[in-house]
Protein backbone atom coordinates (compact mmCIF):
# COMPACT_ATOMS: atom_id res chain seq x y z
CA MET A 1 -22.40 2.62 4.82
CA GLU A 2 -25.63 1.29 6.34
CA TYR A 3 -27.04 0.74 9.81
CA ASN A 4 -25.03 -2.44 10.09
CA LEU A 5 -23.45 -3.15 13.48
CA ALA A 6 -20.06 -4.11 12.02
CA ASP A 7 -19.99 -1.01 9.77
CA LEU A 8 -20.93 1.19 12.72
CA PHE A 9 -18.29 -0.38 14.98
CA GLU A 10 -15.59 0.09 12.34
CA SER A 11 -16.57 3.74 11.91
CA VAL A 12 -16.02 4.27 15.65
CA VAL A 13 -12.68 2.43 15.55
CA ASP A 14 -11.48 4.75 12.80
CA VAL A 15 -11.96 7.87 14.91
CA VAL A 16 -10.71 6.55 18.30
CA PRO A 17 -8.35 3.65 17.44
CA ASP A 18 -6.10 4.10 20.48
CA ARG A 19 -8.89 4.48 23.03
CA GLU A 20 -9.39 1.55 25.43
CA ALA A 21 -12.40 -0.46 24.29
CA LEU A 22 -12.59 -3.67 26.31
CA VAL A 23 -11.26 -4.77 29.70
CA TYR A 24 -11.57 -8.34 30.90
CA ALA A 25 -11.09 -7.80 34.62
CA ASP A 26 -11.44 -11.19 36.26
CA HIS A 27 -10.10 -10.88 39.80
CA PRO A 28 -10.25 -14.21 41.62
CA GLY A 29 -6.50 -14.81 41.41
CA THR A 30 -6.52 -15.88 37.77
CA GLY A 31 -4.20 -13.26 36.38
CA ALA A 32 -6.45 -13.24 33.35
CA GLU A 33 -6.86 -9.50 32.91
CA ARG A 34 -6.79 -8.33 29.29
CA ARG A 35 -7.07 -4.83 27.82
CA LEU A 36 -7.77 -4.04 24.19
CA THR A 37 -7.93 -0.71 22.40
CA TYR A 38 -10.51 -0.18 19.69
CA ALA A 39 -7.88 -0.91 17.03
CA GLU A 40 -6.78 -4.10 18.81
CA LEU A 41 -10.36 -5.34 19.26
CA ASP A 42 -11.08 -4.55 15.61
CA ALA A 43 -8.03 -6.52 14.44
CA ALA A 44 -8.93 -9.45 16.72
CA ALA A 45 -12.47 -9.52 15.32
CA ASN A 46 -11.10 -9.30 11.77
CA ARG A 47 -8.95 -12.36 12.43
CA PHE A 48 -11.89 -14.42 13.60
CA GLY A 49 -14.16 -13.18 10.84
CA HIS A 50 -11.60 -14.22 8.22
CA HIS A 51 -11.20 -17.59 9.93
CA LEU A 52 -14.92 -18.20 9.47
CA ILE A 53 -14.79 -17.29 5.79
CA ASP A 54 -11.65 -19.37 5.25
CA SER A 55 -13.43 -22.31 6.95
CA GLY A 56 -16.29 -22.17 4.46
CA ILE A 57 -18.90 -20.48 6.66
CA ARG A 58 -21.11 -18.49 4.31
CA PRO A 59 -23.01 -15.21 4.80
CA GLY A 60 -26.35 -15.82 6.44
CA GLU A 61 -25.33 -19.11 8.10
CA HIS A 62 -25.65 -19.42 11.88
CA LEU A 63 -22.92 -19.69 14.51
CA GLY A 64 -23.65 -20.52 18.15
CA LEU A 65 -21.81 -18.96 21.09
CA HIS A 66 -21.72 -21.51 23.93
CA LEU A 67 -19.44 -19.48 26.16
CA TYR A 68 -18.89 -17.83 29.49
CA ASN A 69 -18.13 -14.10 29.40
CA GLY A 70 -14.74 -13.24 27.98
CA VAL A 71 -12.93 -11.31 25.28
CA GLU A 72 -13.60 -14.25 22.96
CA TYR A 73 -17.36 -13.80 23.28
CA LEU A 74 -17.44 -10.22 22.00
CA GLN A 75 -14.61 -10.89 19.53
CA THR A 76 -16.67 -13.75 18.07
CA VAL A 77 -19.84 -11.67 17.82
CA LEU A 78 -17.95 -8.89 16.04
CA GLY A 79 -16.18 -11.40 13.79
CA CYS A 80 -19.53 -12.90 12.81
CA LEU A 81 -20.99 -9.50 12.01
CA LYS A 82 -18.00 -8.58 9.90
CA ALA A 83 -18.26 -11.85 7.93
CA ARG A 84 -22.07 -11.57 7.69
CA VAL A 85 -22.46 -14.77 9.73
CA VAL A 86 -25.44 -14.69 12.11
CA PRO A 87 -24.46 -14.94 15.81
CA VAL A 88 -26.75 -17.05 18.02
CA ASN A 89 -26.49 -17.06 21.82
CA VAL A 90 -26.55 -20.42 23.64
CA ASN A 91 -27.53 -20.69 27.31
CA TYR A 92 -24.54 -22.37 28.98
CA ARG A 93 -26.80 -23.85 31.66
CA TYR A 94 -28.50 -26.09 29.12
CA VAL A 95 -27.97 -29.85 29.31
CA GLU A 96 -27.78 -32.30 26.42
CA GLU A 97 -31.45 -32.47 25.38
CA GLU A 98 -31.87 -28.68 25.52
CA LEU A 99 -28.67 -28.18 23.55
CA VAL A 100 -29.73 -30.64 20.88
CA TYR A 101 -33.01 -28.77 20.53
CA LEU A 102 -31.37 -25.34 20.27
CA TYR A 103 -28.53 -26.43 17.96
CA ARG A 104 -31.10 -27.98 15.61
CA ASP A 105 -33.75 -25.28 15.90
CA ALA A 106 -31.20 -22.55 15.18
CA ASP A 107 -29.72 -24.51 12.23
CA LEU A 108 -26.22 -23.99 13.58
CA VAL A 109 -23.40 -24.78 11.16
CA ALA A 110 -20.65 -23.54 13.49
CA LEU A 111 -20.14 -23.41 17.26
CA VAL A 112 -17.67 -21.62 19.49
CA PHE A 113 -17.70 -23.30 22.90
CA ASP A 114 -15.89 -23.08 26.19
CA ALA A 115 -13.67 -26.12 26.82
CA GLY A 116 -15.48 -26.68 30.11
CA PHE A 117 -18.59 -27.61 28.10
CA ALA A 118 -16.81 -30.17 25.92
CA ASP A 119 -18.66 -33.14 27.42
CA ARG A 120 -22.08 -31.58 26.73
CA VAL A 121 -21.08 -30.58 23.20
CA ALA A 122 -19.71 -34.06 22.53
CA ALA A 123 -22.95 -35.66 23.74
CA ALA A 124 -25.13 -33.41 21.56
CA LEU A 125 -22.97 -33.41 18.44
CA PRO A 126 -23.95 -36.81 16.94
CA ARG A 127 -27.59 -35.71 16.87
CA VAL A 128 -27.00 -32.39 15.08
CA ALA A 129 -26.30 -33.19 11.45
CA GLY A 130 -25.66 -29.67 10.16
CA LEU A 131 -23.04 -28.59 12.71
CA ARG A 132 -19.80 -28.84 10.73
CA HIS A 133 -17.28 -26.41 12.29
CA LEU A 134 -16.33 -26.13 15.96
CA VAL A 135 -13.93 -23.81 17.77
CA ARG A 136 -12.85 -24.46 21.37
CA VAL A 137 -11.97 -21.64 23.78
CA GLY A 138 -9.43 -22.46 26.50
CA ALA A 139 -8.68 -25.63 28.40
CA ALA A 140 -11.08 -27.59 30.59
CA GLU A 141 -11.69 -26.04 34.01
CA PRO A 142 -10.42 -27.89 37.10
CA GLY A 143 -12.99 -30.44 38.18
CA ALA A 144 -14.81 -30.46 34.84
CA ARG A 145 -15.87 -33.87 33.59
CA PRO A 146 -13.67 -35.04 30.72
CA GLY A 147 -15.66 -34.92 27.50
CA ALA A 148 -15.38 -37.20 24.55
CA ALA A 149 -13.11 -35.97 21.81
CA VAL A 150 -14.67 -33.01 20.01
CA PRO A 151 -13.21 -32.24 16.56
CA ALA A 152 -12.59 -28.58 17.25
CA VAL A 153 -10.08 -25.91 16.26
CA ALA A 154 -8.42 -24.12 19.18
CA PHE A 155 -9.60 -20.51 19.31
CA ALA A 156 -6.01 -19.27 19.54
CA ASP A 157 -5.14 -21.15 16.35
CA ALA A 158 -8.23 -19.85 14.56
CA GLU A 159 -7.34 -16.31 15.55
CA ALA A 160 -3.67 -16.66 14.55
CA ALA A 161 -4.58 -17.96 11.09
CA GLY A 162 -6.96 -15.14 10.20
CA SER A 163 -5.94 -11.85 8.65
CA PRO A 164 -6.01 -8.80 10.97
CA GLU A 165 -7.10 -6.59 8.06
CA ARG A 166 -10.70 -5.85 7.13
CA GLY A 167 -11.28 -6.65 3.48
CA PHE A 168 -14.79 -8.04 3.95
CA PRO A 169 -17.57 -7.89 1.34
CA ALA A 170 -20.14 -5.10 1.63
CA ARG A 171 -22.67 -5.55 4.43
CA SER A 172 -26.29 -4.53 4.88
CA GLY A 173 -28.69 -3.24 7.52
CA ASP A 174 -30.76 -6.31 6.61
CA ASP A 175 -28.08 -8.65 7.96
CA GLN A 176 -29.52 -10.60 10.87
CA PHE A 177 -28.78 -10.97 14.57
CA ILE A 178 -30.65 -13.74 16.43
CA ILE A 179 -31.30 -13.66 20.17
CA TYR A 180 -32.60 -16.88 21.70
CA THR A 181 -34.86 -16.27 24.66
CA GLY A 182 -35.91 -19.06 26.99
CA GLY A 183 -38.52 -17.25 29.08
CA THR A 184 -40.10 -19.33 31.83
CA THR A 185 -42.27 -21.71 29.80
CA GLY A 186 -41.77 -23.81 26.68
CA MET A 187 -38.68 -24.29 24.56
CA PRO A 188 -36.38 -21.37 23.69
CA LYS A 189 -37.29 -19.18 20.72
CA GLY A 190 -34.94 -17.36 18.38
CA VAL A 191 -35.86 -13.70 17.89
CA MET A 192 -34.77 -12.60 14.39
CA TRP A 193 -33.62 -9.00 14.23
CA ARG A 194 -32.52 -7.00 11.22
CA GLN A 195 -29.41 -5.19 12.43
CA GLU A 196 -30.87 -1.79 11.53
CA ASP A 197 -33.93 -2.49 13.67
CA LEU A 198 -31.80 -3.79 16.54
CA PHE A 199 -29.63 -0.67 16.37
CA PHE A 200 -32.61 1.60 16.91
CA SER A 201 -34.67 -0.53 19.32
CA GLY A 202 -31.98 -2.36 21.28
CA LEU A 203 -29.13 0.15 21.16
CA GLY A 204 -31.13 3.37 21.18
CA GLY A 205 -29.95 4.48 17.74
CA GLY A 206 -26.62 5.59 19.14
CA ALA A 207 -28.24 7.67 21.90
CA PRO A 208 -30.35 5.58 24.29
CA THR A 209 -31.45 8.62 26.30
CA GLY A 210 -31.23 11.28 23.61
CA GLU A 211 -31.91 11.90 19.95
CA PRO A 212 -31.03 8.91 17.70
CA VAL A 213 -28.64 9.47 14.83
CA SER A 214 -30.23 10.42 11.51
CA ARG A 215 -27.59 8.74 9.30
CA PRO A 216 -25.00 6.02 9.94
CA GLN A 217 -21.98 8.32 9.65
CA GLU A 218 -23.29 10.49 12.47
CA LEU A 219 -22.41 7.85 15.09
CA ALA A 220 -18.66 8.23 14.54
CA GLU A 221 -19.01 12.00 14.23
CA ARG A 222 -20.53 12.12 17.71
CA VAL A 223 -17.76 9.91 19.10
CA ALA A 224 -15.08 12.09 17.51
CA ALA A 225 -16.65 15.22 18.96
CA GLY A 226 -16.87 13.75 22.46
CA GLY A 227 -14.35 12.33 24.88
CA ALA A 228 -13.70 9.24 26.93
CA GLY A 229 -14.76 8.88 30.55
CA ILE A 230 -17.68 6.43 30.60
CA THR A 231 -17.12 2.81 31.61
CA PHE A 232 -19.95 0.33 31.05
CA PHE A 233 -20.01 -2.84 33.14
CA PRO A 234 -22.57 -5.47 32.07
CA THR A 235 -22.40 -7.92 34.99
CA ALA A 236 -24.89 -10.52 33.73
CA PRO A 237 -23.87 -13.27 31.27
CA LEU A 238 -23.29 -12.07 27.71
CA MET A 239 -25.31 -15.10 26.58
CA HIS A 240 -28.39 -13.05 27.51
CA GLY A 241 -29.22 -10.31 25.07
CA THR A 242 -29.19 -7.43 27.56
CA SER A 243 -25.50 -7.72 28.43
CA THR A 244 -24.33 -8.07 24.82
CA LEU A 245 -26.48 -5.10 23.79
CA THR A 246 -25.10 -3.08 26.73
CA ALA A 247 -21.57 -3.77 25.46
CA PHE A 248 -22.55 -2.61 21.97
CA ILE A 249 -24.09 0.56 23.42
CA GLY A 250 -20.70 1.22 25.00
CA PHE A 251 -18.92 0.61 21.70
CA GLY A 252 -21.39 2.89 19.92
CA PHE A 253 -20.40 5.69 22.31
CA GLY A 254 -16.70 4.95 21.76
CA GLN A 255 -16.36 4.25 25.46
CA ARG A 256 -14.90 1.47 27.58
CA VAL A 257 -16.62 -1.84 28.37
CA VAL A 258 -15.58 -3.98 31.34
CA ILE A 259 -16.58 -7.63 31.73
CA HIS A 260 -16.08 -10.49 34.20
CA ARG A 261 -16.24 -14.21 33.47
CA LYS A 262 -19.00 -14.69 36.06
CA PHE A 263 -20.90 -12.53 38.53
CA ALA A 264 -19.35 -12.40 42.02
CA ALA A 265 -20.39 -9.48 44.21
CA GLU A 266 -17.02 -8.76 45.84
CA ALA A 267 -15.16 -8.94 42.52
CA VAL A 268 -17.74 -6.64 40.89
CA LEU A 269 -17.28 -4.04 43.63
CA ARG A 270 -13.51 -4.28 43.43
CA THR A 271 -13.68 -3.66 39.69
CA ILE A 272 -16.04 -0.69 40.14
CA GLU A 273 -13.44 0.86 42.44
CA GLU A 274 -10.32 0.01 40.41
CA GLU A 275 -11.71 0.76 36.94
CA ARG A 276 -13.78 3.78 38.03
CA VAL A 277 -16.91 2.21 36.53
CA THR A 278 -19.70 4.69 35.79
CA SER A 279 -22.55 2.46 34.57
CA VAL A 280 -23.46 -1.01 35.81
CA SER A 281 -26.17 -3.19 34.28
CA LEU A 282 -27.54 -6.16 36.17
CA VAL A 283 -30.72 -8.19 36.61
CA GLY A 284 -32.91 -7.38 39.61
CA ASP A 285 -32.46 -8.14 43.28
CA ALA A 286 -30.67 -11.40 42.49
CA MET A 287 -27.62 -9.28 41.64
CA LEU A 288 -28.27 -6.03 43.49
CA ARG A 289 -28.86 -7.63 46.91
CA PRO A 290 -25.47 -9.43 46.98
CA LEU A 291 -23.85 -6.06 46.23
CA VAL A 292 -25.73 -4.54 49.16
CA ASP A 293 -24.64 -7.40 51.44
CA ALA A 294 -21.00 -7.10 50.36
CA LEU A 295 -20.95 -3.31 50.81
CA SER A 296 -22.44 -3.79 54.27
CA GLY A 297 -19.90 -6.48 55.16
CA ALA A 298 -16.64 -7.65 53.64
CA MET A 299 -16.45 -4.81 51.08
CA LYS A 300 -17.52 -2.02 53.40
CA GLY A 301 -15.77 1.21 52.45
CA THR A 302 -15.29 0.28 48.77
CA ASP A 303 -15.06 3.46 46.73
CA CYS A 304 -18.08 3.49 44.42
CA SER A 305 -18.11 7.25 43.95
CA SER A 306 -17.54 6.91 40.18
CA LEU A 307 -20.83 5.06 39.81
CA PHE A 308 -23.44 7.18 38.04
CA SER A 309 -26.10 4.59 37.24
CA VAL A 310 -27.18 1.04 38.02
CA SER A 311 -29.78 -0.30 35.60
CA SER A 312 -31.77 -3.50 35.59
CA SER A 313 -33.82 -5.22 32.91
CA GLY A 314 -35.38 -8.66 32.88
CA ALA A 315 -36.25 -8.45 36.58
CA ILE A 316 -37.21 -5.64 38.93
CA MET A 317 -34.94 -4.15 41.58
CA SER A 318 -37.37 -4.02 44.48
CA ASP A 319 -38.06 -0.77 46.29
CA THR A 320 -36.59 -2.16 49.52
CA VAL A 321 -33.25 -3.23 48.05
CA ARG A 322 -32.96 -0.04 46.00
CA ARG A 323 -33.28 2.02 49.18
CA GLN A 324 -30.60 -0.08 50.87
CA PHE A 325 -28.21 0.42 47.95
CA ARG A 326 -28.91 4.16 47.84
CA ASP A 327 -27.97 4.43 51.51
CA LEU A 328 -24.62 2.82 50.71
CA VAL A 329 -23.97 4.54 47.34
CA PRO A 330 -25.99 7.77 47.50
CA GLY A 331 -24.65 9.20 44.24
CA ALA A 332 -25.88 6.38 42.00
CA LEU A 333 -29.08 6.56 39.98
CA LEU A 334 -31.02 3.27 40.04
CA LEU A 335 -33.06 2.54 36.93
CA ASN A 336 -35.59 -0.23 36.43
CA ASN A 337 -35.71 -0.52 32.66
CA PHE A 338 -38.45 -2.32 30.78
CA GLY A 339 -37.84 -4.24 27.58
CA SER A 340 -37.49 -7.68 26.07
CA SER A 341 -35.66 -9.72 23.47
CA GLU A 342 -38.63 -9.08 21.17
CA SER A 343 -38.83 -5.30 21.61
CA GLY A 344 -35.49 -3.97 22.79
CA PHE A 345 -35.91 -1.01 25.14
CA ASN A 346 -39.43 0.24 25.92
CA GLY A 347 -38.99 2.61 28.84
CA THR A 348 -37.87 3.24 32.41
CA ALA A 349 -39.76 3.01 35.69
CA THR A 350 -40.90 6.21 37.36
CA GLU A 351 -39.53 7.16 40.75
CA ASP A 352 -42.89 6.52 42.40
CA SER A 353 -42.95 2.88 41.26
CA GLY A 354 -43.19 0.45 44.15
CA PRO A 355 -45.48 -1.90 46.04
CA GLU A 356 -48.11 0.80 46.58
CA ARG A 357 -48.46 2.11 42.99
CA GLY A 358 -47.06 -0.76 40.93
CA PHE A 359 -44.36 -0.93 38.27
CA ARG A 360 -45.00 2.34 36.42
CA ILE A 361 -43.12 2.95 33.15
CA ARG A 362 -42.59 6.06 31.07
CA VAL A 363 -42.52 4.37 27.69
CA ASN A 364 -41.12 5.49 24.37
CA SER A 365 -43.34 6.90 21.60
CA ARG A 366 -43.57 3.53 19.81
CA THR A 367 -45.04 1.61 22.76
CA ARG A 368 -48.77 1.15 23.40
CA VAL A 369 -51.11 -0.93 25.55
CA VAL A 370 -53.52 -2.72 23.21
CA ASP A 371 -56.38 -5.17 23.31
CA PRO A 372 -54.82 -8.54 22.39
CA ASP A 373 -57.75 -9.46 20.14
CA SER A 374 -58.60 -6.24 18.29
CA ARG A 375 -55.03 -4.87 18.54
CA GLU A 376 -56.58 -1.44 19.25
CA PRO A 377 -55.30 0.77 22.10
CA VAL A 378 -57.17 0.17 25.36
CA ALA A 379 -58.98 2.92 27.25
CA VAL A 380 -57.41 4.53 30.30
CA GLY A 381 -57.45 2.05 33.18
CA GLU A 382 -58.34 -1.00 31.09
CA VAL A 383 -56.04 -4.04 31.04
CA GLY A 384 -54.30 -4.89 27.78
CA ARG A 385 -50.95 -6.12 26.51
CA VAL A 386 -47.85 -4.07 25.86
CA ALA A 387 -47.04 -3.70 22.16
CA GLN A 388 -44.39 -1.85 20.17
CA CYS A 389 -44.28 -0.74 16.54
CA GLY A 390 -41.64 0.37 14.08
CA HIS A 391 -38.20 -1.18 14.53
CA VAL A 392 -39.30 -4.65 15.67
CA PRO A 393 -37.99 -8.15 14.85
CA LEU A 394 -38.91 -10.14 11.77
CA GLY A 395 -40.33 -12.91 13.95
CA TYR A 396 -39.24 -16.14 15.61
CA TYR A 397 -36.81 -18.33 13.69
CA ASN A 398 -38.32 -21.62 12.55
CA ASP A 399 -41.65 -20.87 14.27
CA PRO A 400 -44.25 -19.36 11.89
CA GLY A 401 -47.11 -20.20 14.27
CA LYS A 402 -45.66 -18.28 17.22
CA THR A 403 -44.59 -15.51 14.86
CA ALA A 404 -48.19 -15.08 13.68
CA GLU A 405 -49.38 -14.87 17.30
CA THR A 406 -46.81 -12.29 18.35
CA PHE A 407 -46.09 -10.08 15.31
CA PHE A 408 -48.68 -8.29 13.22
CA GLU A 409 -49.19 -5.52 10.66
CA LYS A 410 -51.51 -2.59 11.39
CA ASP A 411 -51.92 0.70 9.56
CA GLY A 412 -48.87 -0.02 7.45
CA ARG A 413 -46.61 -0.58 10.45
CA ARG A 414 -45.16 -3.73 11.93
CA TRP A 415 -45.95 -4.48 15.59
CA VAL A 416 -44.83 -6.94 18.25
CA LEU A 417 -47.31 -8.00 20.94
CA LEU A 418 -45.50 -8.72 24.20
CA GLY A 419 -46.65 -11.06 26.96
CA ASP A 420 -46.83 -8.33 29.59
CA MET A 421 -50.24 -7.21 30.82
CA ALA A 422 -50.58 -3.52 31.65
CA THR A 423 -52.81 -0.47 32.02
CA VAL A 424 -52.21 3.12 30.91
CA ASP A 425 -53.19 6.35 32.68
CA GLU A 426 -54.20 9.81 31.40
CA GLU A 427 -50.55 10.91 31.16
CA GLY A 428 -49.53 7.89 29.12
CA VAL A 429 -47.67 6.23 32.00
CA VAL A 430 -47.93 2.45 31.71
CA THR A 431 -48.35 0.26 34.79
CA VAL A 432 -47.00 -3.21 34.04
CA LEU A 433 -48.97 -5.86 35.91
CA GLY A 434 -46.90 -8.88 34.93
CA ARG A 435 -46.61 -11.66 32.40
CA GLY A 436 -49.98 -12.94 31.32
CA SER A 437 -48.62 -16.49 31.26
CA GLN A 438 -47.81 -16.25 34.99
CA CYS A 439 -51.07 -14.58 36.03
CA ILE A 440 -52.88 -16.40 38.87
CA ASN A 441 -56.68 -16.62 38.62
CA THR A 442 -58.01 -16.99 42.15
CA GLY A 443 -61.78 -16.92 42.46
CA GLY A 444 -62.02 -14.89 39.26
CA GLU A 445 -59.54 -12.26 40.46
CA LYS A 446 -56.25 -11.77 38.60
CA VAL A 447 -53.02 -11.75 40.61
CA TYR A 448 -49.69 -10.93 38.96
CA PRO A 449 -46.73 -12.53 40.78
CA GLU A 450 -44.39 -9.55 40.44
CA GLU A 451 -46.66 -7.35 42.53
CA VAL A 452 -46.80 -9.86 45.40
CA GLU A 453 -43.05 -10.51 45.16
CA GLN A 454 -42.35 -6.79 45.65
CA ALA A 455 -44.44 -6.83 48.83
CA LEU A 456 -42.75 -9.99 50.11
CA LYS A 457 -39.26 -8.63 49.53
CA SER A 458 -40.05 -5.58 51.63
CA HIS A 459 -40.38 -7.92 54.65
CA PRO A 460 -37.22 -7.50 56.79
CA ASP A 461 -36.51 -11.26 56.96
CA VAL A 462 -37.08 -12.09 53.27
CA TYR A 463 -34.01 -12.20 51.02
CA ASP A 464 -35.69 -13.32 47.79
CA ALA A 465 -39.12 -14.51 46.72
CA LEU A 466 -41.13 -15.97 43.87
CA VAL A 467 -44.90 -16.32 43.72
CA ALA A 468 -46.89 -19.01 41.90
CA GLY A 469 -50.43 -20.25 41.64
CA VAL A 470 -51.32 -23.62 43.20
CA PRO A 471 -54.54 -25.50 42.34
CA ASP A 472 -57.32 -24.91 44.86
CA ALA A 473 -60.62 -26.83 44.98
CA ARG A 474 -62.60 -23.76 45.95
CA TRP A 475 -60.89 -20.82 44.24
CA GLY A 476 -59.35 -22.51 41.22
CA HIS A 477 -55.89 -21.42 42.36
CA HIS A 478 -54.47 -19.76 45.42
CA VAL A 479 -51.35 -17.63 45.83
CA ALA A 480 -48.25 -19.41 47.14
CA ALA A 481 -45.00 -17.71 48.17
CA VAL A 482 -41.61 -19.42 47.89
CA VAL A 483 -39.08 -17.40 49.87
CA ALA A 484 -35.43 -17.49 50.87
CA LEU A 485 -34.55 -15.78 54.14
CA ARG A 486 -31.82 -13.36 55.00
CA PRO A 487 -28.80 -15.01 56.68
CA GLY A 488 -29.49 -15.49 60.37
CA ALA A 489 -33.17 -14.54 60.11
CA ALA A 490 -35.75 -16.58 61.99
CA ALA A 491 -38.40 -18.14 59.76
CA PRO A 492 -41.53 -15.98 59.81
CA SER A 493 -44.91 -17.66 60.10
CA LEU A 494 -47.45 -17.51 57.32
CA ALA A 495 -49.58 -15.27 59.53
CA ASP A 496 -46.67 -12.86 59.93
CA VAL A 497 -46.08 -12.71 56.17
CA GLN A 498 -49.80 -12.24 55.55
CA ALA A 499 -49.99 -9.38 58.04
CA HIS A 500 -47.03 -7.69 56.36
CA CYS A 501 -48.52 -8.06 52.86
CA ARG A 502 -52.00 -6.96 53.93
CA ALA A 503 -50.75 -3.40 54.37
CA LEU A 504 -49.64 -3.36 50.73
CA LEU A 505 -51.99 -5.68 48.84
CA ALA A 506 -55.67 -6.44 48.43
CA GLY A 507 -56.84 -9.47 50.38
CA TYR A 508 -57.18 -11.81 47.40
CA LYS A 509 -53.48 -11.24 46.56
CA ILE A 510 -52.24 -12.34 50.00
CA PRO A 511 -50.27 -15.63 49.96
CA ARG A 512 -52.20 -18.61 51.36
CA ARG A 513 -49.15 -20.85 51.40
CA LEU A 514 -45.58 -20.13 52.48
CA VAL A 515 -42.63 -22.29 51.53
CA ILE A 516 -39.19 -21.55 52.97
CA THR A 517 -36.28 -22.62 50.77
CA ASP A 518 -32.52 -22.18 51.03
CA VAL A 519 -32.22 -20.51 47.63
CA VAL A 520 -34.77 -19.16 45.16
CA ARG A 521 -33.91 -20.62 41.79
CA ARG A 522 -33.15 -18.16 39.01
CA SER A 523 -31.30 -18.21 35.71
CA PRO A 524 -27.66 -17.02 35.60
CA SER A 525 -28.99 -13.60 34.57
CA GLY A 526 -31.34 -13.39 37.58
CA LYS A 527 -34.60 -14.15 35.76
CA ALA A 528 -37.26 -15.99 37.73
CA ASP A 529 -37.81 -19.74 37.30
CA TYR A 530 -41.57 -19.87 37.76
CA ARG A 531 -41.83 -23.49 36.70
CA TRP A 532 -39.62 -24.44 39.62
CA ALA A 533 -41.59 -22.18 41.99
CA ARG A 534 -44.88 -23.84 41.02
CA GLU A 535 -43.42 -27.31 41.55
CA VAL A 536 -41.99 -26.40 44.96
CA ALA A 537 -45.18 -24.70 46.08
CA ALA A 538 -47.43 -27.52 44.89
CA SER A 539 -45.41 -30.17 46.72
CA ALA A 540 -45.30 -28.32 50.03
CA GLY A 541 -48.55 -29.47 51.59
CA ALA A 542 -51.96 -27.96 52.11
CA ARG A 543 -52.76 -24.29 52.07
CA ILE A 544 -53.79 -22.32 55.13
CA PRO A 545 -57.43 -21.27 54.65
CA GLY A 546 -58.12 -17.59 54.40
CA PRO A 547 -60.88 -15.29 53.14
CA GLN A 548 -60.66 -13.97 49.57
CA ASP A 549 -61.33 -10.41 50.74
């Protein structure tokens, strides 16, 4: 047995076969709830894994998951891992051109897609020569555009034809798992993980907050020695790495995982109450604020007493919204985690993080802040880039140039250089400034959008905000704020917003332009769309002059 995710999952199944593993709790009147024990989920994954083998999909070939959340998503991932087929996530928001690029770039030979996406798949298919096997999940949703005929096997038929037994060839910790990450600029990139490295960096080695296991068999031994009682609820789309990895953390503990098809605040709260959820993962204020609004309104009085932790990665839960949630659910611990598709988990924000002190992270022992040129650790207080060594990915699939820029060898260890700029203090606490690619240079001063966004979201009338740089004849760029207001709030003036921010930020960081929009555009997982923010800000007229103090 190796540090292979399918081997590890099967070892857990063997010690707690009758324990509930997965609950699909979709509430909006669909009657679609499903519950599977570990043994039932294992058998379902076996069936799909054997279907892939019987269909001629070979070890090491790539299968895309173009799906909403559902039992089929995790069943497919597990079936791929069992059959040594490489799972590849597909962003279901992509349109034809983006899909053609990803399908080709990932060298997909198989695709499992939701029937509601049939028209997009049909449009892309003629331009993707290597895609030879398709499986369709469900029937088209009401109102969906009818797609051209797609030569696909129904998922139910694929599952029924496969054997429920294991009987797979031996697997390896070198088997791959690819996570495509879109970021905010450029085309998506496929991060290639060895499963052993992903287990330790993305799943915490079987103990995200404790001592990792020292041998593969120890994972099941820990599960057998413990009990049930933890329910993980990844609320973001499984197509983003964080939610899928959260589910696998739950499986590694031998605990229960709950999922919904899509995020809806009232349904999430209802499930927390009914399923006695203990751990929720989400993405920033885009998901936490709707929960606050629902608990303050239509879902007031919902029993969330089972909730132990709410964690976010990919976007920050602002100090303001965290305080509001704590007032409503005082027993829950709110954790701003820091990590990426390229590094897994790096650390968790300190309690004193906020607009005044910045996003301060207690990082793991493998994380450093380094000079991006020399790759040497920076001195205390100097700005560098976050890097991690040890269990890191192999690189970006089909992109040797970007791989060479991001991954490097030093002192016999492999490193990944992240895009986040940061400083480190005497105690080793890292203050993350923001993505270098989004940094605004205004009159020679560096402004990181996340810091200004935190200040903006502490304004009582601001519901959500993104910050971008807009060209400026004098300063090179100036800071522009794109904000959505709280329901019923009167639009604040730029002067009002500037006065509010001035108490929290240096003068050169104060927004010189304010754009009010109905909704701040984000990805389905809550990640910021900075390209959109720049376009909106740039088209919104002239800036209001102000000193660069």
